[in-house]
Amino acid sequence: APRAWNQELTKTLTALGFTCNRLDQNVMKCTSTEAIIYMCFYVDDIVIAGRDLQCVQTVKDLIHSKYKITDLGDAQHFLGMTIIRDRKAGTMILHQANKVGDYVQQHGIKTSKT
C-alpha cells in the first residue's frame, strides 16, 4: 500500500507541475513565476515548504481537493529531524541532535574529542 500511495501522490504532484529530485524521488519541486515550492513525503507524512505562504496554501488546497488530509500546522519534526524556523530571518535549521543523543546513550559514549 505505501508504494501504491507514493506512486499515486507522485502522479498527482506531477500533474500539478512538480518534478522529482533526481537523487530522491520523495522530494519534489514546483517552480512558477510566483514561487518555488518544495514537497517532501514519506508514506503518509508530507512537508510542504516555500517562501510564499499563499502559494503553499494553494498547493495544500489542491491536494486537499483530491485526498483526505489533515494540516498539522508548522512542522516541528519530520523523519527523525527537528525543524527550527525563524520566519522573520527567513531561516530553517534541521538537526538530529536527538538521534545523536540516543546513539551516545545506547553505546555508552560519555566524552568525545573532535
Protein backbone atom coordinates (compact mmCIF):
# COMPACT_ATOMS: atom_id res chain seq x y z
CA ALA A 1 0.00 0.00 0.00
CA PRO A 2 2.75 2.57 0.76
CA ARG A 3 4.29 2.09 -2.69
CA ALA A 4 0.91 2.48 -4.42
CA TRP A 5 0.22 5.65 -2.40
CA ASN A 6 3.67 7.01 -3.29
CA GLN A 7 3.01 6.40 -6.99
CA GLU A 8 -0.46 7.96 -6.76
CA LEU A 9 0.81 11.08 -4.96
CA THR A 10 3.73 11.44 -7.37
CA LYS A 11 1.31 11.23 -10.32
CA THR A 12 -0.91 13.93 -8.80
CA LEU A 13 2.00 16.23 -7.95
CA THR A 14 3.49 15.80 -11.42
CA ALA A 15 0.14 16.85 -12.90
CA LEU A 16 0.32 19.97 -10.68
CA GLY A 17 3.73 20.86 -12.13
CA PHE A 18 6.05 19.28 -9.57
CA THR A 19 9.19 17.46 -10.68
CA CYS A 20 11.06 14.76 -8.75
CA ASN A 21 14.51 15.36 -7.39
CA ARG A 22 16.90 13.15 -9.33
CA LEU A 23 18.54 11.87 -6.13
CA ASP A 24 15.40 11.30 -4.06
CA GLN A 25 12.04 10.64 -5.68
CA ASN A 26 10.27 11.61 -2.43
CA VAL A 27 11.45 15.21 -2.78
CA MET A 28 9.64 17.25 -5.40
CA LYS A 29 9.86 20.86 -6.55
CA CYS A 30 7.46 23.16 -8.34
CA THR A 31 8.76 26.38 -9.86
CA SER A 32 6.40 29.08 -11.05
CA THR A 33 6.64 32.79 -11.68
CA GLU A 34 5.29 33.40 -8.17
CA ALA A 35 7.32 30.99 -6.06
CA ILE A 36 9.28 27.80 -5.62
CA ILE A 37 7.53 25.14 -3.55
CA TYR A 38 9.24 22.03 -2.19
CA MET A 39 7.45 18.93 -1.04
CA CYS A 40 8.97 16.02 0.87
CA PHE A 41 6.92 12.94 1.62
CA TYR A 42 7.38 9.55 3.18
CA VAL A 43 4.41 7.18 3.29
CA ASP A 44 1.67 9.44 4.72
CA ASP A 45 3.83 12.23 6.13
CA ILE A 46 4.16 15.30 3.92
CA VAL A 47 6.05 18.55 4.42
CA ILE A 48 5.41 21.48 2.08
CA ALA A 49 7.87 24.38 2.15
CA GLY A 50 8.12 27.67 0.32
CA ARG A 51 8.68 31.36 0.96
CA ASP A 52 5.28 32.42 -0.37
CA LEU A 53 2.70 31.24 2.17
CA GLN A 54 -0.18 31.86 -0.25
CA CYS A 55 1.41 29.52 -2.81
CA VAL A 56 1.97 26.91 -0.11
CA GLN A 57 -1.69 27.21 0.89
CA THR A 58 -2.77 26.86 -2.75
CA VAL A 59 -0.80 23.61 -3.04
CA LYS A 60 -2.34 22.32 0.20
CA ASP A 61 -5.81 23.21 -1.07
CA LEU A 62 -5.21 21.42 -4.38
CA ILE A 63 -4.02 18.28 -2.59
CA HIS A 64 -6.90 18.51 -0.12
CA SER A 65 -9.38 18.69 -3.00
CA LYS A 66 -8.21 15.26 -4.15
CA TYR A 67 -7.27 13.48 -0.90
CA LYS A 68 -8.36 13.47 2.72
CA ILE A 69 -5.52 15.26 4.51
CA THR A 70 -5.03 16.87 7.89
CA ASP A 71 -2.94 20.03 8.17
CA LEU A 72 -0.92 19.79 11.38
CA GLY A 73 0.46 23.32 11.06
CA ASP A 74 4.12 24.24 11.02
CA ALA A 75 6.31 21.15 11.08
CA GLN A 76 8.48 20.72 14.14
CA HIS A 77 9.66 17.16 13.41
CA PHE A 78 9.92 15.12 10.22
CA LEU A 79 11.57 11.72 9.73
CA GLY A 80 13.58 12.00 12.94
CA MET A 81 14.73 15.55 12.24
CA THR A 82 13.91 18.55 14.38
CA ILE A 83 12.88 21.64 12.41
CA ILE A 84 13.56 25.09 13.81
CA ARG A 85 12.38 28.01 11.73
CA ASP A 86 12.60 31.75 12.05
CA ARG A 87 10.16 33.33 9.60
CA LYS A 88 11.43 36.87 10.25
CA ALA A 89 15.01 35.90 9.42
CA GLY A 90 13.87 33.58 6.63
CA THR A 91 15.84 30.65 8.02
CA MET A 92 15.20 27.00 8.70
CA ILE A 93 17.50 24.70 10.65
CA LEU A 94 17.28 20.91 10.50
CA HIS A 95 19.10 18.79 13.03
CA GLN A 96 19.13 15.33 14.52
CA ALA A 97 20.52 16.08 17.97
CA ASN A 98 18.01 13.66 19.49
CA LYS A 99 19.38 10.84 17.30
CA VAL A 100 22.94 11.69 18.32
CA GLY A 101 21.89 11.70 21.99
CA ASP A 102 20.21 8.30 21.58
CA TYR A 103 23.33 6.91 19.88
CA VAL A 104 25.61 8.27 22.61
CA GLN A 105 23.42 6.77 25.33
CA GLN A 106 22.99 3.44 23.53
CA HIS A 107 26.75 2.99 23.06
CA GLY A 108 27.82 4.37 26.42
CA ILE A 109 29.88 7.20 24.96
CA LYS A 110 30.41 9.79 27.65
CA THR A 111 33.04 12.07 26.15
CA SER A 112 34.42 12.60 22.71
CA LYS A 113 37.02 14.76 21.03
CA THR A 114 36.51 16.46 17.73
